[in-house]
Amino acid sequence: HIFRDKDELPITSNLSGTIEEALLNSEYLIVL
């Protein structure tokens, strides 16, 4: 499971909440 927002974001008005939750639940952050 890799989170890349192009693939993982649902159609929602609360993108920042979705991203925050994904960051909290990720083992690593890969910064390009």
PDB file of all heavy atoms in Angstrom:
ATOM      1  N   HIS A   1       0.820  -1.201   0.000  1.00  0.00           N
ATOM      2  CA  HIS A   1       0.000   0.000   0.000  1.00  0.00           C
ATOM      3  C   HIS A   1       0.863   1.265   0.000  1.00  0.00           C
ATOM      4  O   HIS A   1       1.476   1.593   1.008  1.00  0.00           O
ATOM      5  CB  HIS A   1      -0.930   0.020   1.211  1.00  0.00           C
ATOM      6  CG  HIS A   1      -1.831  -1.172   1.268  1.00  0.00           C
ATOM      7  ND1 HIS A   1      -2.888  -1.351   0.404  1.00  0.00           N
ATOM      8  CD2 HIS A   1      -1.819  -2.252   2.070  1.00  0.00           C
ATOM      9  CE1 HIS A   1      -3.488  -2.494   0.681  1.00  0.00           C
ATOM     10  NE2 HIS A   1      -2.855  -3.068   1.683  1.00  0.00           N
ATOM     11  N   ILE A   2       0.884   1.935  -1.123  1.00  0.00           N
ATOM     12  CA  ILE A   2       1.571   3.213  -1.262  1.00  0.00           C
ATOM     13  C   ILE A   2       0.497   4.263  -1.487  1.00  0.00           C
ATOM     14  O   ILE A   2      -0.381   4.088  -2.326  1.00  0.00           O
ATOM     15  CB  ILE A   2       2.544   3.205  -2.472  1.00  0.00           C
ATOM     16  CG1 ILE A   2       3.555   2.065  -2.368  1.00  0.00           C
ATOM     17  CG2 ILE A   2       3.229   4.555  -2.622  1.00  0.00           C
ATOM     18  CD1 ILE A   2       4.540   2.174  -1.233  1.00  0.00           C
ATOM     19  N   PHE A   3       0.562   5.364  -0.736  1.00  0.00           N
ATOM     20  CA  PHE A   3      -0.387   6.452  -0.937  1.00  0.00           C
ATOM     21  C   PHE A   3       0.225   7.462  -1.900  1.00  0.00           C
ATOM     22  O   PHE A   3       1.263   8.039  -1.630  1.00  0.00           O
ATOM     23  CB  PHE A   3      -0.731   7.157   0.382  1.00  0.00           C
ATOM     24  CG  PHE A   3      -1.790   8.212   0.231  1.00  0.00           C
ATOM     25  CD1 PHE A   3      -3.108   7.918   0.491  1.00  0.00           C
ATOM     26  CD2 PHE A   3      -1.467   9.499  -0.169  1.00  0.00           C
ATOM     27  CE1 PHE A   3      -4.094   8.878   0.350  1.00  0.00           C
ATOM     28  CE2 PHE A   3      -2.437  10.466  -0.320  1.00  0.00           C
ATOM     29  CZ  PHE A   3      -3.758  10.160  -0.063  1.00  0.00           C
ATOM     30  N   ARG A   4      -0.407   7.620  -3.023  1.00  0.00           N
ATOM     31  CA  ARG A   4      -0.059   8.677  -3.984  1.00  0.00           C
ATOM     32  C   ARG A   4      -1.375   9.342  -4.312  1.00  0.00           C
ATOM     33  O   ARG A   4      -2.273   8.711  -4.858  1.00  0.00           O
ATOM     34  CB  ARG A   4       0.600   8.094  -5.234  1.00  0.00           C
ATOM     35  CG  ARG A   4       1.103   9.163  -6.190  1.00  0.00           C
ATOM     36  CD  ARG A   4       1.946   8.561  -7.293  1.00  0.00           C
ATOM     37  NE  ARG A   4       1.189   7.755  -8.216  1.00  0.00           N
ATOM     38  CZ  ARG A   4       0.615   8.220  -9.329  1.00  0.00           C
ATOM     39  NH1 ARG A   4       0.713   9.487  -9.656  1.00  0.00           N
ATOM     40  NH2 ARG A   4      -0.063   7.404 -10.110  1.00  0.00           N
ATOM     41  N   ASP A   5      -1.504  10.598  -3.955  1.00  0.00           N
ATOM     42  CA  ASP A   5      -2.814  11.237  -3.974  1.00  0.00           C
ATOM     43  C   ASP A   5      -3.544  11.185  -5.307  1.00  0.00           C
ATOM     44  O   ASP A   5      -4.755  11.193  -5.352  1.00  0.00           O
ATOM     45  CB  ASP A   5      -2.746  12.663  -3.450  1.00  0.00           C
ATOM     46  CG  ASP A   5      -1.816  13.558  -4.230  1.00  0.00           C
ATOM     47  OD1 ASP A   5      -1.250  13.105  -5.243  1.00  0.00           O
ATOM     48  OD2 ASP A   5      -1.644  14.711  -3.827  1.00  0.00           O
ATOM     49  N   LYS A   6      -2.850  11.056  -6.389  1.00  0.00           N
ATOM     50  CA  LYS A   6      -3.506  10.956  -7.692  1.00  0.00           C
ATOM     51  C   LYS A   6      -4.389   9.709  -7.746  1.00  0.00           C
ATOM     52  O   LYS A   6      -5.438   9.718  -8.363  1.00  0.00           O
ATOM     53  CB  LYS A   6      -2.422  10.886  -8.779  1.00  0.00           C
ATOM     54  CG  LYS A   6      -2.910  11.152 -10.157  1.00  0.00           C
ATOM     55  CD  LYS A   6      -2.910  12.630 -10.400  1.00  0.00           C
ATOM     56  CE  LYS A   6      -3.051  12.905 -11.877  1.00  0.00           C
ATOM     57  NZ  LYS A   6      -3.291  14.279 -12.151  1.00  0.00           N
ATOM     58  N   ASP A   7      -3.955   8.644  -7.087  1.00  0.00           N
ATOM     59  CA  ASP A   7      -4.684   7.379  -7.117  1.00  0.00           C
ATOM     60  C   ASP A   7      -5.603   7.185  -5.924  1.00  0.00           C
ATOM     61  O   ASP A   7      -6.626   6.529  -6.020  1.00  0.00           O
ATOM     62  CB  ASP A   7      -3.690   6.199  -7.116  1.00  0.00           C
ATOM     63  CG  ASP A   7      -2.815   6.186  -8.354  1.00  0.00           C
ATOM     64  OD1 ASP A   7      -3.261   6.668  -9.404  1.00  0.00           O
ATOM     65  OD2 ASP A   7      -1.684   5.683  -8.248  1.00  0.00           O
ATOM     66  N   GLU A   8      -5.222   7.708  -4.768  1.00  0.00           N
ATOM     67  CA  GLU A   8      -5.874   7.329  -3.528  1.00  0.00           C
ATOM     68  C   GLU A   8      -6.959   8.286  -3.034  1.00  0.00           C
ATOM     69  O   GLU A   8      -7.751   7.918  -2.193  1.00  0.00           O
ATOM     70  CB  GLU A   8      -4.823   7.199  -2.417  1.00  0.00           C
ATOM     71  CG  GLU A   8      -3.766   6.161  -2.687  1.00  0.00           C
ATOM     72  CD  GLU A   8      -4.285   4.746  -2.635  1.00  0.00           C
ATOM     73  OE1 GLU A   8      -5.306   4.489  -1.975  1.00  0.00           O
ATOM     74  OE2 GLU A   8      -3.677   3.878  -3.281  1.00  0.00           O
ATOM     75  N   LEU A   9      -6.975   9.527  -3.526  1.00  0.00           N
ATOM     76  CA  LEU A   9      -7.933  10.484  -2.978  1.00  0.00           C
ATOM     77  C   LEU A   9      -9.348  10.209  -3.466  1.00  0.00           C
ATOM     78  O   LEU A   9      -9.583  10.072  -4.660  1.00  0.00           O
ATOM     79  CB  LEU A   9      -7.544  11.923  -3.355  1.00  0.00           C
ATOM     80  CG  LEU A   9      -6.351  12.475  -2.617  1.00  0.00           C
ATOM     81  CD1 LEU A   9      -6.056  13.885  -3.095  1.00  0.00           C
ATOM     82  CD2 LEU A   9      -6.553  12.482  -1.119  1.00  0.00           C
ATOM     83  N   PRO A  10     -10.294  10.153  -2.545  1.00  0.00           N
ATOM     84  CA  PRO A  10     -11.681   9.981  -2.947  1.00  0.00           C
ATOM     85  C   PRO A  10     -12.244  11.310  -3.446  1.00  0.00           C
ATOM     86  O   PRO A  10     -11.640  12.363  -3.249  1.00  0.00           O
ATOM     87  CB  PRO A  10     -12.370   9.575  -1.636  1.00  0.00           C
ATOM     88  CG  PRO A  10     -11.551  10.227  -0.587  1.00  0.00           C
ATOM     89  CD  PRO A  10     -10.120  10.220  -1.104  1.00  0.00           C
ATOM     90  N   ILE A  11     -13.370  11.262  -4.083  1.00  0.00           N
ATOM     91  CA  ILE A  11     -14.027  12.496  -4.496  1.00  0.00           C
ATOM     92  C   ILE A  11     -14.715  13.039  -3.259  1.00  0.00           C
ATOM     93  O   ILE A  11     -15.718  12.509  -2.794  1.00  0.00           O
ATOM     94  CB  ILE A  11     -15.033  12.231  -5.631  1.00  0.00           C
ATOM     95  CG1 ILE A  11     -14.284  11.687  -6.841  1.00  0.00           C
ATOM     96  CG2 ILE A  11     -15.796  13.489  -5.977  1.00  0.00           C
ATOM     97  CD1 ILE A  11     -15.173  11.214  -7.966  1.00  0.00           C
ATOM     98  N   THR A  12     -14.123  14.078  -2.685  1.00  0.00           N
ATOM     99  CA  THR A  12     -14.620  14.639  -1.437  1.00  0.00           C
ATOM    100  C   THR A  12     -14.216  16.102  -1.349  1.00  0.00           C
ATOM    101  O   THR A  12     -13.292  16.535  -2.032  1.00  0.00           O
ATOM    102  CB  THR A  12     -14.057  13.866  -0.221  1.00  0.00           C
ATOM    103  OG1 THR A  12     -14.538  14.486   0.981  1.00  0.00           O
ATOM    104  CG2 THR A  12     -12.559  13.863  -0.181  1.00  0.00           C
ATOM    105  N   SER A  13     -14.867  16.829  -0.501  1.00  0.00           N
ATOM    106  CA  SER A  13     -14.513  18.229  -0.311  1.00  0.00           C
ATOM    107  C   SER A  13     -13.455  18.383   0.773  1.00  0.00           C
ATOM    108  O   SER A  13     -12.874  19.439   0.928  1.00  0.00           O
ATOM    109  CB  SER A  13     -15.754  19.037   0.062  1.00  0.00           C
ATOM    110  OG  SER A  13     -16.304  18.524   1.251  1.00  0.00           O
ATOM    111  N   ASN A  14     -13.173  17.326   1.536  1.00  0.00           N
ATOM    112  CA  ASN A  14     -12.229  17.399   2.641  1.00  0.00           C
ATOM    113  C   ASN A  14     -10.930  16.683   2.297  1.00  0.00           C
ATOM    114  O   ASN A  14     -10.592  15.664   2.873  1.00  0.00           O
ATOM    115  CB  ASN A  14     -12.848  16.801   3.915  1.00  0.00           C
ATOM    116  CG  ASN A  14     -11.951  17.000   5.116  1.00  0.00           C
ATOM    117  OD1 ASN A  14     -10.975  17.741   5.078  1.00  0.00           O
ATOM    118  ND2 ASN A  14     -12.272  16.315   6.199  1.00  0.00           N
ATOM    119  N   LEU A  15     -10.189  17.241   1.326  1.00  0.00           N
ATOM    120  CA  LEU A  15      -8.935  16.619   0.909  1.00  0.00           C
ATOM    121  C   LEU A  15      -7.898  16.655   2.020  1.00  0.00           C
ATOM    122  O   LEU A  15      -7.156  15.698   2.202  1.00  0.00           O
ATOM    123  CB  LEU A  15      -8.381  17.312  -0.331  1.00  0.00           C
ATOM    124  CG  LEU A  15      -9.215  17.179  -1.598  1.00  0.00           C
ATOM    125  CD1 LEU A  15      -8.527  17.889  -2.745  1.00  0.00           C
ATOM    126  CD2 LEU A  15      -9.447  15.726  -1.940  1.00  0.00           C
ATOM    127  N   SER A  16      -7.836  17.748   2.773  1.00  0.00           N
ATOM    128  CA  SER A  16      -6.804  17.840   3.804  1.00  0.00           C
ATOM    129  C   SER A  16      -7.011  16.780   4.883  1.00  0.00           C
ATOM    130  O   SER A  16      -6.050  16.225   5.391  1.00  0.00           O
ATOM    131  CB  SER A  16      -6.750  19.240   4.412  1.00  0.00           C
ATOM    132  OG  SER A  16      -7.959  19.553   5.057  1.00  0.00           O
ATOM    133  N   GLY A  17      -8.251  16.456   5.228  1.00  0.00           N
ATOM    134  CA  GLY A  17      -8.513  15.407   6.216  1.00  0.00           C
ATOM    135  C   GLY A  17      -8.073  14.048   5.723  1.00  0.00           C
ATOM    136  O   GLY A  17      -7.502  13.255   6.472  1.00  0.00           O
ATOM    137  N   THR A  18      -8.312  13.763   4.456  1.00  0.00           N
ATOM    138  CA  THR A  18      -7.901  12.491   3.859  1.00  0.00           C
ATOM    139  C   THR A  18      -6.383  12.382   3.845  1.00  0.00           C
ATOM    140  O   THR A  18      -5.823  11.340   4.181  1.00  0.00           O
ATOM    141  CB  THR A  18      -8.451  12.382   2.414  1.00  0.00           C
ATOM    142  OG1 THR A  18      -9.864  12.510   2.466  1.00  0.00           O
ATOM    143  CG2 THR A  18      -8.071  11.070   1.778  1.00  0.00           C
ATOM    144  N   ILE A  19      -5.713  13.459   3.476  1.00  0.00           N
ATOM    145  CA  ILE A  19      -4.245  13.467   3.425  1.00  0.00           C
ATOM    146  C   ILE A  19      -3.672  13.324   4.828  1.00  0.00           C
ATOM    147  O   ILE A  19      -2.730  12.557   5.047  1.00  0.00           O
ATOM    148  CB  ILE A  19      -3.729  14.728   2.710  1.00  0.00           C
ATOM    149  CG1 ILE A  19      -4.040  14.598   1.216  1.00  0.00           C
ATOM    150  CG2 ILE A  19      -2.238  14.946   2.952  1.00  0.00           C
ATOM    151  CD1 ILE A  19      -3.741  15.821   0.386  1.00  0.00           C
ATOM    152  N   GLU A  20      -4.223  14.047   5.797  1.00  0.00           N
ATOM    153  CA  GLU A  20      -3.740  13.936   7.179  1.00  0.00           C
ATOM    154  C   GLU A  20      -3.862  12.501   7.689  1.00  0.00           C
ATOM    155  O   GLU A  20      -2.937  11.990   8.320  1.00  0.00           O
ATOM    156  CB  GLU A  20      -4.526  14.882   8.096  1.00  0.00           C
ATOM    157  CG  GLU A  20      -4.147  16.330   7.931  1.00  0.00           C
ATOM    158  CD  GLU A  20      -4.960  17.250   8.825  1.00  0.00           C
ATOM    159  OE1 GLU A  20      -5.404  16.819   9.914  1.00  0.00           O
ATOM    160  OE2 GLU A  20      -5.149  18.413   8.432  1.00  0.00           O
ATOM    161  N   GLU A  21      -4.981  11.868   7.418  1.00  0.00           N
ATOM    162  CA  GLU A  21      -5.183  10.486   7.864  1.00  0.00           C
ATOM    163  C   GLU A  21      -4.190   9.544   7.194  1.00  0.00           C
ATOM    164  O   GLU A  21      -3.623   8.661   7.835  1.00  0.00           O
ATOM    165  CB  GLU A  21      -6.618  10.034   7.559  1.00  0.00           C
ATOM    166  CG  GLU A  21      -6.914   8.662   8.104  1.00  0.00           C
ATOM    167  CD  GLU A  21      -8.365   8.254   7.900  1.00  0.00           C
ATOM    168  OE1 GLU A  21      -9.251   9.125   7.941  1.00  0.00           O
ATOM    169  OE2 GLU A  21      -8.593   7.052   7.712  1.00  0.00           O
ATOM    170  N   ALA A  22      -3.948   9.745   5.898  1.00  0.00           N
ATOM    171  CA  ALA A  22      -2.989   8.901   5.178  1.00  0.00           C
ATOM    172  C   ALA A  22      -1.575   9.103   5.722  1.00  0.00           C
ATOM    173  O   ALA A  22      -0.821   8.132   5.877  1.00  0.00           O
ATOM    174  CB  ALA A  22      -3.032   9.201   3.682  1.00  0.00           C
ATOM    175  N   LEU A  23      -1.195  10.331   6.027  1.00  0.00           N
ATOM    176  CA  LEU A  23       0.129  10.603   6.596  1.00  0.00           C
ATOM    177  C   LEU A  23       0.275   9.949   7.965  1.00  0.00           C
ATOM    178  O   LEU A  23       1.313   9.368   8.275  1.00  0.00           O
ATOM    179  CB  LEU A  23       0.379  12.106   6.690  1.00  0.00           C
ATOM    180  CG  LEU A  23       0.684  12.799   5.374  1.00  0.00           C
ATOM    181  CD1 LEU A  23       0.491  14.301   5.492  1.00  0.00           C
ATOM    182  CD2 LEU A  23       2.101  12.472   4.912  1.00  0.00           C
ATOM    183  N   LEU A  24      -0.747  10.035   8.776  1.00  0.00           N
ATOM    184  CA  LEU A  24      -0.731   9.432  10.102  1.00  0.00           C
ATOM    185  C   LEU A  24      -0.575   7.919  10.018  1.00  0.00           C
ATOM    186  O   LEU A  24       0.117   7.307  10.821  1.00  0.00           O
ATOM    187  CB  LEU A  24      -2.020   9.782  10.854  1.00  0.00           C
ATOM    188  CG  LEU A  24      -2.183   9.193  12.243  1.00  0.00           C
ATOM    189  CD1 LEU A  24      -1.139   9.756  13.201  1.00  0.00           C
ATOM    190  CD2 LEU A  24      -3.576   9.476  12.772  1.00  0.00           C
ATOM    191  N   ASN A  25      -1.185   7.307   8.996  1.00  0.00           N
ATOM    192  CA  ASN A  25      -1.198   5.857   8.854  1.00  0.00           C
ATOM    193  C   ASN A  25      -0.134   5.315   7.906  1.00  0.00           C
ATOM    194  O   ASN A  25      -0.218   4.172   7.469  1.00  0.00           O
ATOM    195  CB  ASN A  25      -2.594   5.396   8.413  1.00  0.00           C
ATOM    196  CG  ASN A  25      -3.624   5.657   9.477  1.00  0.00           C
ATOM    197  OD1 ASN A  25      -3.393   5.377  10.651  1.00  0.00           O
ATOM    198  ND2 ASN A  25      -4.745   6.225   9.098  1.00  0.00           N
ATOM    199  N   SER A  26       0.864   6.128   7.588  1.00  0.00           N
ATOM    200  CA  SER A  26       1.954   5.700   6.712  1.00  0.00           C
ATOM    201  C   SER A  26       3.218   5.465   7.527  1.00  0.00           C
ATOM    202  O   SER A  26       3.526   6.230   8.438  1.00  0.00           O
ATOM    203  CB  SER A  26       2.241   6.760   5.646  1.00  0.00           C
ATOM    204  OG  SER A  26       1.139   6.898   4.775  1.00  0.00           O
ATOM    205  N   GLU A  27       3.949   4.401   7.182  1.00  0.00           N
ATOM    206  CA  GLU A  27       5.214   4.115   7.863  1.00  0.00           C
ATOM    207  C   GLU A  27       6.316   5.071   7.426  1.00  0.00           C
ATOM    208  O   GLU A  27       7.137   5.479   8.227  1.00  0.00           O
ATOM    209  CB  GLU A  27       5.665   2.692   7.554  1.00  0.00           C
ATOM    210  CG  GLU A  27       4.799   1.622   8.168  1.00  0.00           C
ATOM    211  CD  GLU A  27       5.272   0.247   7.749  1.00  0.00           C
ATOM    212  OE1 GLU A  27       6.449  -0.086   7.973  1.00  0.00           O
ATOM    213  OE2 GLU A  27       4.448  -0.498   7.175  1.00  0.00           O
ATOM    214  N   TYR A  28       6.354   5.372   6.130  1.00  0.00           N
ATOM    215  CA  TYR A  28       7.397   6.222   5.568  1.00  0.00           C
ATOM    216  C   TYR A  28       6.799   7.344   4.749  1.00  0.00           C
ATOM    217  O   TYR A  28       5.707   7.201   4.185  1.00  0.00           O
ATOM    218  CB  TYR A  28       8.339   5.410   4.664  1.00  0.00           C
ATOM    219  CG  TYR A  28       9.233   4.488   5.448  1.00  0.00           C
ATOM    220  CD1 TYR A  28       8.834   3.195   5.735  1.00  0.00           C
ATOM    221  CD2 TYR A  28      10.472   4.925   5.906  1.00  0.00           C
ATOM    222  CE1 TYR A  28       9.642   2.341   6.470  1.00  0.00           C
ATOM    223  CE2 TYR A  28      11.288   4.080   6.645  1.00  0.00           C
ATOM    224  CZ  TYR A  28      10.871   2.793   6.921  1.00  0.00           C
ATOM    225  OH  TYR A  28      11.667   1.968   7.651  1.00  0.00           O
ATOM    226  N   LEU A  29       7.538   8.440   4.664  1.00  0.00           N
ATOM    227  CA  LEU A  29       7.209   9.545   3.771  1.00  0.00           C
ATOM    228  C   LEU A  29       8.315   9.609   2.728  1.00  0.00           C
ATOM    229  O   LEU A  29       9.499   9.698   3.074  1.00  0.00           O
ATOM    230  CB  LEU A  29       7.131  10.865   4.533  1.00  0.00           C
ATOM    231  CG  LEU A  29       6.901  12.115   3.677  1.00  0.00           C
ATOM    232  CD1 LEU A  29       5.521  12.071   3.011  1.00  0.00           C
ATOM    233  CD2 LEU A  29       7.041  13.371   4.527  1.00  0.00           C
ATOM    234  N   ILE A  30       7.942   9.531   1.466  1.00  0.00           N
ATOM    235  CA  ILE A  30       8.891   9.652   0.370  1.00  0.00           C
ATOM    236  C   ILE A  30       8.653  11.019  -0.260  1.00  0.00           C
ATOM    237  O   ILE A  30       7.567  11.289  -0.777  1.00  0.00           O
ATOM    238  CB  ILE A  30       8.698   8.538  -0.674  1.00  0.00           C
ATOM    239  CG1 ILE A  30       8.909   7.169  -0.025  1.00  0.00           C
ATOM    240  CG2 ILE A  30       9.635   8.749  -1.867  1.00  0.00           C
ATOM    241  CD1 ILE A  30       8.531   5.990  -0.911  1.00  0.00           C
ATOM    242  N   VAL A  31       9.660  11.900  -0.188  1.00  0.00           N
ATOM    243  CA  VAL A  31       9.537  13.250  -0.731  1.00  0.00           C
ATOM    244  C   VAL A  31      10.286  13.301  -2.052  1.00  0.00           C
ATOM    245  O   VAL A  31      11.499  13.120  -2.093  1.00  0.00           O
ATOM    246  CB  VAL A  31      10.093  14.304   0.246  1.00  0.00           C
ATOM    247  CG1 VAL A  31       9.930  15.703  -0.329  1.00  0.00           C
ATOM    248  CG2 VAL A  31       9.410  14.196   1.607  1.00  0.00           C
ATOM    249  N   LEU A  32       9.547  13.542  -3.116  1.00  0.00           N
ATOM    250  CA  LEU A  32      10.134  13.676  -4.442  1.00  0.00           C
ATOM    251  C   LEU A  32      10.651  15.103  -4.570  1.00  0.00           C
ATOM    252  O   LEU A  32       9.896  16.062  -4.475  1.00  0.00           O
ATOM    253  CB  LEU A  32       9.079  13.376  -5.506  1.00  0.00           C
ATOM    254  CG  LEU A  32       9.535  13.432  -6.946  1.00  0.00           C
ATOM    255  CD1 LEU A  32      10.664  12.452  -7.200  1.00  0.00           C
ATOM    256  CD2 LEU A  32       8.363  13.117  -7.861  1.00  0.00           C
TER     257      LEU A  32
END
